[in-house]
N, C-alpha and C. Protein backbone atom coordinates (compact mmCIF):
# COMPACT_ATOMS: atom_id res chain seq x y z
N MET A 1 0.85 -1.36 -0.32
CA MET A 1 0.39 0.14 0.29
C MET A 1 0.96 1.55 0.04
N VAL A 2 0.28 2.03 -0.69
CA VAL A 2 1.17 3.67 -0.86
C VAL A 2 0.66 4.42 0.37
N ASP A 3 2.10 5.30 0.97
CA ASP A 3 2.00 6.45 1.66
C ASP A 3 1.34 7.89 0.90
N LYS A 4 0.16 7.92 0.90
CA LYS A 4 -0.35 8.92 -0.33
C LYS A 4 0.00 10.19 0.64
N SER A 5 0.32 10.53 1.90
CA SER A 5 0.75 11.94 2.31
C SER A 5 2.73 11.49 1.99
N THR A 6 3.03 10.72 2.10
CA THR A 6 4.15 10.55 1.87
C THR A 6 4.58 11.45 -0.17
N VAL A 7 4.18 10.86 -0.62
CA VAL A 7 3.77 10.48 -2.35
C VAL A 7 3.63 12.45 -2.51
N VAL A 8 2.22 12.78 -2.00
CA VAL A 8 1.80 14.62 -2.14
C VAL A 8 3.20 15.67 -1.71
N GLU A 9 3.72 14.99 -0.71
CA GLU A 9 4.84 15.89 -0.03
C GLU A 9 6.10 15.78 -1.09
N ARG A 10 6.43 14.47 -1.24
CA ARG A 10 7.01 14.38 -2.56
C ARG A 10 6.98 15.14 -3.35
N LEU A 11 5.87 15.10 -4.04
CA LEU A 11 5.72 15.96 -5.60
C LEU A 11 5.83 17.36 -5.24
N ARG A 12 4.78 17.79 -3.84
CA ARG A 12 5.33 19.31 -3.98
C ARG A 12 6.48 19.48 -3.93
N GLU A 13 8.15 18.84 -3.18
CA GLU A 13 8.90 19.84 -3.03
C GLU A 13 9.79 19.41 -4.58
N ALA A 14 9.41 18.33 -5.20
CA ALA A 14 9.79 18.12 -6.50
C ALA A 14 9.15 19.40 -7.67
N LEU A 15 8.00 20.01 -7.15
CA LEU A 15 7.20 20.94 -8.27
C LEU A 15 7.61 21.82 -7.39
N ARG A 16 7.99 22.34 -6.81
CA ARG A 16 9.01 23.72 -6.23
C ARG A 16 10.46 23.86 -6.53
N ASN A 17 10.41 22.80 -7.31
CA ASN A 17 12.23 23.02 -7.87
C ASN A 17 11.51 23.29 -9.60
N VAL A 18 10.94 23.34 -9.94
CA VAL A 18 10.63 23.25 -11.68
C VAL A 18 10.18 25.15 -11.77
N TYR A 19 10.91 25.36 -12.51
CA TYR A 19 10.83 26.64 -12.59
C TYR A 19 9.74 26.78 -14.10
N ASP A 20 9.13 27.48 -13.77
CA ASP A 20 8.12 28.63 -15.23
C ASP A 20 9.60 29.37 -16.18
N PRO A 21 9.90 28.66 -17.33
CA PRO A 21 11.09 29.96 -17.76
C PRO A 21 10.82 31.18 -18.20
N GLU A 22 9.78 31.65 -18.12
CA GLU A 22 9.15 33.14 -18.66
C GLU A 22 9.43 34.11 -17.20
N ILE A 23 8.62 33.12 -16.18
CA ILE A 23 8.52 33.82 -15.16
C ILE A 23 9.08 33.32 -13.78
N PRO A 24 10.33 33.50 -13.91
CA PRO A 24 10.96 32.68 -12.66
C PRO A 24 10.68 32.34 -11.26
N ILE A 25 9.71 31.92 -11.03
CA ILE A 25 8.68 31.39 -9.87
C ILE A 25 8.33 29.42 -10.33
N ASN A 26 8.76 28.87 -8.95
CA ASN A 26 8.44 27.49 -9.80
C ASN A 26 7.03 27.10 -9.65
N VAL A 27 6.53 26.23 -10.22
CA VAL A 27 4.98 25.82 -10.69
C VAL A 27 4.25 25.67 -9.66
N TRP A 28 5.01 25.17 -8.63
CA TRP A 28 4.01 25.07 -7.09
C TRP A 28 3.19 26.27 -6.87
N ASP A 29 4.61 26.92 -6.28
CA ASP A 29 4.10 28.66 -6.01
C ASP A 29 3.78 29.55 -7.14
N LEU A 30 3.38 29.09 -8.08
CA LEU A 30 3.40 30.06 -9.46
C LEU A 30 1.47 29.41 -9.54
N GLY A 31 1.22 28.72 -8.86
CA GLY A 31 -0.29 28.18 -8.63
C GLY A 31 -0.97 27.29 -9.68
N LEU A 32 0.27 26.81 -10.75
CA LEU A 32 -0.08 25.99 -11.80
C LEU A 32 -0.70 24.49 -11.64
N ILE A 33 -0.04 23.90 -10.41
CA ILE A 33 -0.53 22.22 -9.52
C ILE A 33 -2.11 22.55 -9.20
N TYR A 34 -2.92 22.45 -9.86
CA TYR A 34 -4.37 22.46 -9.01
C TYR A 34 -4.89 21.19 -8.52
N GLY A 35 -4.13 20.03 -8.91
CA GLY A 35 -4.37 18.63 -7.34
C GLY A 35 -3.69 18.16 -8.01
N ILE A 36 -3.10 17.29 -6.43
CA ILE A 36 -2.45 15.96 -6.67
C ILE A 36 -3.56 14.93 -6.01
N ASP A 37 -3.26 13.70 -6.81
CA ASP A 37 -4.50 12.99 -5.89
C ASP A 37 -3.79 11.65 -6.13
N VAL A 38 -3.75 10.86 -5.19
CA VAL A 38 -3.44 9.58 -5.45
C VAL A 38 -3.99 8.33 -4.12
N ASP A 39 -4.79 7.45 -5.77
CA ASP A 39 -5.88 6.71 -4.99
C ASP A 39 -4.92 5.74 -4.24
N ASP A 40 -5.98 4.40 -3.94
CA ASP A 40 -5.52 3.37 -2.92
C ASP A 40 -4.20 2.36 -3.56
N SER A 41 -4.94 2.52 -5.29
CA SER A 41 -3.76 1.53 -5.85
C SER A 41 -2.55 1.77 -6.35
N GLY A 42 -2.36 3.24 -5.54
CA GLY A 42 -0.94 3.94 -6.16
C GLY A 42 -0.70 4.43 -7.17
N ASN A 43 -1.97 4.75 -8.07
CA ASN A 43 -2.08 5.61 -8.51
C ASN A 43 -2.40 7.39 -8.25
N VAL A 44 -1.68 7.80 -8.98
CA VAL A 44 -1.04 9.31 -8.96
C VAL A 44 -1.56 10.33 -10.04
N ARG A 45 -1.99 10.85 -9.67
CA ARG A 45 -3.09 11.92 -11.00
C ARG A 45 -2.54 13.76 -10.48
N ILE A 46 -2.03 13.97 -11.44
CA ILE A 46 -1.78 15.62 -11.14
C ILE A 46 -2.48 16.05 -11.87
N ARG A 47 -3.23 17.43 -11.64
CA ARG A 47 -3.72 18.39 -12.21
C ARG A 47 -3.06 19.81 -12.42
N MET A 48 -2.83 20.36 -14.08
CA MET A 48 -2.27 21.45 -13.97
C MET A 48 -2.25 22.05 -14.91
N THR A 49 -2.16 23.38 -15.27
CA THR A 49 -2.40 24.25 -16.41
C THR A 49 -1.02 25.23 -16.50
N LEU A 50 -1.49 26.26 -17.18
CA LEU A 50 -0.62 27.20 -17.32
C LEU A 50 -1.11 28.14 -17.74
N THR A 51 0.08 29.44 -17.26
CA THR A 51 -0.57 30.98 -17.46
C THR A 51 -1.60 31.49 -18.69
N ALA A 52 -1.68 30.77 -19.39
CA ALA A 52 -1.89 30.81 -20.71
C ALA A 52 -2.08 29.78 -21.81
N PRO A 53 -3.37 29.75 -22.32
CA PRO A 53 -3.32 28.15 -22.95
C PRO A 53 -2.18 28.11 -24.40
N ALA A 54 -1.93 29.27 -25.06
CA ALA A 54 -1.38 29.29 -26.05
C ALA A 54 0.57 29.43 -25.79
N CYS A 55 0.72 28.84 -24.39
CA CYS A 55 2.29 29.32 -23.84
C CYS A 55 3.38 28.28 -24.94
N PRO A 56 3.90 29.27 -24.94
CA PRO A 56 5.09 28.38 -26.06
C PRO A 56 6.04 27.91 -25.94
N VAL A 57 6.24 27.73 -24.14
CA VAL A 57 6.74 26.81 -23.54
C VAL A 57 6.11 25.46 -23.01
N THR A 58 5.21 25.14 -23.64
CA THR A 58 4.15 23.88 -23.12
C THR A 58 5.15 23.05 -23.15
N THR A 59 5.18 22.63 -23.98
CA THR A 59 6.30 21.15 -24.25
C THR A 59 7.56 21.51 -23.22
N PHE A 60 8.38 21.77 -23.32
CA PHE A 60 9.24 22.12 -21.95
C PHE A 60 9.06 22.14 -20.63
N LEU A 61 8.03 22.47 -20.07
CA LEU A 61 7.86 22.73 -19.31
C LEU A 61 6.94 21.06 -18.49
N LEU A 62 5.84 20.95 -19.35
CA LEU A 62 5.74 19.68 -19.48
C LEU A 62 6.52 18.14 -19.03
N TYR A 63 8.05 18.77 -19.77
CA TYR A 63 9.07 17.69 -19.43
C TYR A 63 9.31 17.94 -18.38
N GLN A 64 9.68 19.15 -18.38
CA GLN A 64 10.50 19.22 -16.72
C GLN A 64 9.69 18.75 -15.24
N VAL A 65 7.98 18.97 -15.76
CA VAL A 65 7.44 18.44 -14.25
C VAL A 65 7.38 17.03 -13.94
N GLN A 66 7.43 16.06 -15.82
CA GLN A 66 7.67 15.08 -15.44
C GLN A 66 8.45 14.27 -15.25
N GLU A 67 9.95 14.54 -15.40
CA GLU A 67 11.33 14.02 -15.26
C GLU A 67 11.28 14.57 -13.55
N ALA A 68 10.87 15.87 -12.91
CA ALA A 68 10.73 15.85 -11.40
C ALA A 68 10.08 15.49 -10.75
N VAL A 69 8.62 14.81 -10.99
CA VAL A 69 7.87 13.93 -10.46
C VAL A 69 8.30 12.41 -10.20
N TYR A 70 8.89 11.73 -12.11
CA TYR A 70 9.49 10.26 -11.91
C TYR A 70 10.98 10.55 -11.35
N ARG A 71 11.52 11.49 -10.74
CA ARG A 71 12.58 11.55 -9.62
C ARG A 71 11.97 11.21 -8.62
N ALA A 72 11.38 12.55 -8.42
CA ALA A 72 10.63 12.31 -6.78
C ALA A 72 10.03 11.31 -6.03
N LEU A 73 9.39 10.32 -7.10
CA LEU A 73 8.70 8.71 -7.11
C LEU A 73 9.53 7.34 -6.96
N SER A 74 11.00 7.81 -7.31
CA SER A 74 11.73 6.51 -8.08
C SER A 74 11.49 5.62 -6.90
N ASP A 75 11.78 6.24 -5.99
CA ASP A 75 12.05 4.63 -5.14
C ASP A 75 10.94 4.72 -3.79
N VAL A 76 9.50 5.09 -3.82
CA VAL A 76 8.40 4.51 -2.82
C VAL A 76 7.47 3.93 -3.91
N GLU A 77 7.72 2.88 -2.59
CA GLU A 77 6.81 1.63 -2.87
C GLU A 77 5.49 1.72 -3.00
N GLY A 78 4.71 1.26 -4.27
CA GLY A 78 3.38 1.40 -4.20
C GLY A 78 2.69 2.02 -4.90
N VAL A 79 4.10 3.16 -6.05
CA VAL A 79 3.07 4.00 -6.37
C VAL A 79 3.22 3.23 -8.23
N SER A 80 2.52 3.23 -8.38
CA SER A 80 1.91 1.79 -10.37
C SER A 80 1.76 2.69 -11.21
N GLU A 81 1.47 4.02 -11.34
CA GLU A 81 1.07 4.87 -12.30
C GLU A 81 0.91 6.60 -12.44
N VAL A 82 1.48 7.36 -12.64
CA VAL A 82 1.21 8.58 -12.94
C VAL A 82 0.95 9.40 -14.34
N ASN A 83 -0.43 9.86 -13.87
CA ASN A 83 -0.23 10.66 -15.13
C ASN A 83 -0.48 12.33 -14.66
N ILE A 84 -0.61 13.17 -15.37
CA ILE A 84 -0.31 14.29 -15.55
C ILE A 84 -1.11 14.93 -16.69
N ASP A 85 -2.21 16.08 -15.91
CA ASP A 85 -3.32 16.19 -16.57
C ASP A 85 -3.17 17.65 -17.08
N LEU A 86 -3.17 17.90 -18.05
CA LEU A 86 -2.90 19.28 -18.36
C LEU A 86 -4.51 19.89 -18.91
N VAL A 87 -5.06 20.94 -18.15
CA VAL A 87 -6.27 21.34 -17.94
C VAL A 87 -6.31 23.35 -18.11
N PHE A 88 -7.61 23.67 -18.46
CA PHE A 88 -7.33 24.68 -18.36
C PHE A 88 -8.93 25.44 -17.89
N ASP A 89 -9.68 24.54 -17.60
CA ASP A 89 -10.94 24.84 -16.55
C ASP A 89 -10.33 24.20 -15.23
N PRO A 90 -10.66 25.46 -14.40
CA PRO A 90 -10.93 26.36 -14.27
C PRO A 90 -9.17 27.66 -15.05
N PRO A 91 -9.32 29.08 -15.86
CA PRO A 91 -8.37 29.30 -16.62
C PRO A 91 -7.08 30.07 -15.17
N TRP A 92 -5.86 29.29 -15.69
CA TRP A 92 -5.10 30.34 -14.88
C TRP A 92 -5.31 31.55 -13.82
N ASP A 93 -5.17 32.35 -12.81
CA ASP A 93 -5.36 33.51 -12.84
C ASP A 93 -4.17 33.87 -11.23
N PRO A 94 -3.44 35.02 -10.98
CA PRO A 94 -2.66 35.24 -9.93
C PRO A 94 -2.99 34.82 -8.67
N THR A 95 -4.34 34.72 -8.64
CA THR A 95 -4.93 34.61 -7.47
C THR A 95 -4.33 33.01 -6.49
N ARG A 96 -4.27 32.23 -8.03
CA ARG A 96 -4.06 30.70 -7.19
C ARG A 96 -2.10 30.93 -7.06
N MET A 97 -1.89 31.57 -7.05
CA MET A 97 -0.39 31.80 -6.03
C MET A 97 0.16 31.28 -5.12
N THR A 98 0.90 31.08 -4.64
CA THR A 98 0.91 30.87 -2.86
C THR A 98 1.52 31.96 -2.44
N GLU A 99 1.63 32.65 -1.18
CA GLU A 99 2.35 33.72 -0.52
C GLU A 99 3.53 33.73 -0.91
N GLU A 100 4.61 32.70 -0.95
CA GLU A 100 6.01 32.66 -1.24
C GLU A 100 5.81 33.25 -2.93
N GLY A 101 5.18 32.70 -3.81
CA GLY A 101 4.80 33.09 -5.10
C GLY A 101 4.51 34.61 -5.50
N ARG A 102 3.76 35.08 -4.66
CA ARG A 102 3.56 36.39 -5.11
C ARG A 102 4.63 37.21 -4.31
N ARG A 103 5.18 36.84 -3.16
CA ARG A 103 6.56 37.39 -2.66
C ARG A 103 7.73 37.30 -3.70
N ARG A 104 7.65 36.41 -4.36
CA ARG A 104 8.62 36.10 -5.28
C ARG A 104 8.46 37.16 -5.97
N PHE A 105 7.08 37.19 -7.06
CA PHE A 105 7.00 38.06 -8.04
C PHE A 105 7.06 39.46 -7.62
N LYS A 106 6.79 40.02 -6.55
CA LYS A 106 6.90 40.96 -6.38
C LYS A 106 8.55 41.50 -6.53
N GLU A 107 9.11 40.85 -5.69
CA GLU A 107 10.50 41.11 -5.83
C GLU A 107 11.15 41.13 -7.06
N LEU A 108 10.90 40.18 -8.23
CA LEU A 108 11.56 40.30 -9.40
C LEU A 108 10.99 41.59 -10.17
N PHE A 109 9.35 41.55 -9.85
CA PHE A 109 8.82 43.15 -10.53
C PHE A 109 8.35 44.21 -10.10
N GLY A 110 8.30 44.19 -8.94
CA GLY A 110 8.23 45.63 -8.48
C GLY A 110 6.79 46.03 -8.18
N TYR A 111 5.53 44.61 -8.07
CA TYR A 111 4.43 44.86 -7.88
C TYR A 111 4.19 43.80 -6.81
N ASP A 112 2.57 43.91 -6.23
CA ASP A 112 1.78 42.79 -6.17
C ASP A 112 1.32 42.13 -7.23
N ILE A 113 1.28 41.20 -7.91
CA ILE A 113 0.37 40.88 -8.85
C ILE A 113 -1.04 40.81 -8.88
N VAL A 114 -1.30 40.07 -7.33
CA VAL A 114 -2.87 39.81 -7.09
C VAL A 114 -3.63 41.64 -6.97
N GLU A 115 -2.65 42.07 -6.33
CA GLU A 115 -3.08 43.15 -5.88
C GLU A 115 -3.63 44.49 -7.35
N GLU A 116 -3.21 43.79 -8.03
CA GLU A 116 -3.23 44.57 -9.75
C GLU A 116 -3.95 43.62 -10.61
N TYR A 117 -4.16 42.83 -10.33
CA TYR A 117 -5.46 41.97 -11.18
C TYR A 117 -6.78 42.29 -10.33
N GLY A 118 -6.74 42.25 -8.94
CA GLY A 118 -7.95 42.75 -8.68
C GLY A 118 -8.40 44.23 -8.91
N LYS A 119 -6.90 44.28 -9.09
CA LYS A 119 -8.01 46.36 -10.05
C LYS A 119 -8.15 46.38 -11.19
N ARG A 120 -7.27 45.44 -12.28
CA ARG A 120 -7.91 45.49 -13.39
C ARG A 120 -9.55 44.90 -13.09
N LYS A 121 -9.79 43.90 -12.67
CA LYS A 121 -11.20 43.33 -12.62
C LYS A 121 -12.00 44.24 -12.37
N SER A 122 -11.81 45.19 -11.41
CA SER A 122 -12.78 45.65 -10.94
C SER A 122 -13.04 46.91 -11.83
N LEU A 123 -11.56 47.29 -12.48
CA LEU A 123 -12.08 48.34 -13.63
C LEU A 123 -12.93 48.22 -14.71
N SER A 124 -12.52 46.65 -15.09
CA SER A 124 -13.52 45.99 -16.31
C SER A 124 -14.55 46.10 -15.68
N SER A 125 -15.13 45.39 -14.39
CA SER A 125 -16.44 45.21 -14.29
C SER A 125 -17.22 46.57 -13.89
N ILE A 126 -16.48 47.56 -13.94
CA ILE A 126 -16.87 49.00 -14.10
C ILE A 126 -17.45 49.31 -15.35
N LEU A 127 -16.29 49.25 -16.13
CA LEU A 127 -16.95 49.76 -17.40
C LEU A 127 -17.59 48.75 -18.21
N SER A 128 -18.14 47.65 -18.12
CA SER A 128 -18.54 46.76 -18.29
C SER A 128 -20.02 47.16 -17.75
N GLY A 129 -20.27 47.83 -16.67
CA GLY A 129 -21.45 47.92 -16.01
C GLY A 129 -22.15 46.37 -15.31
N THR A 130 -21.25 45.22 -15.17
CA THR A 130 -21.72 44.11 -14.58
C THR A 130 -21.47 44.25 -12.91
């Protein structure tokens, strides 16, 4: 039987070492990982997204995630299958970032992306009358 908490924690740590090449923040803190599920049979399912559906580095990023996942689980007994599902519903937005991701973004780019996103979303609602 697989230790689900060990699998999830190892994957979180592994994904914290995979960086989006366009935004130098790891995929976990960027909020690109929507979920990690482990069933009793040792099947692992990771649901992830991209910051944009037409991301030019999709193949590269998926390869990096896949490699990190397989390295992290190579010695975990009971893992039978790993699937990485790329999903776009719901679409990614900055509110999915962790506090660490927000801090890192602000450090790199000089502003809080979640605050800016909120302002733009509010302005959009005002302009559209909704």
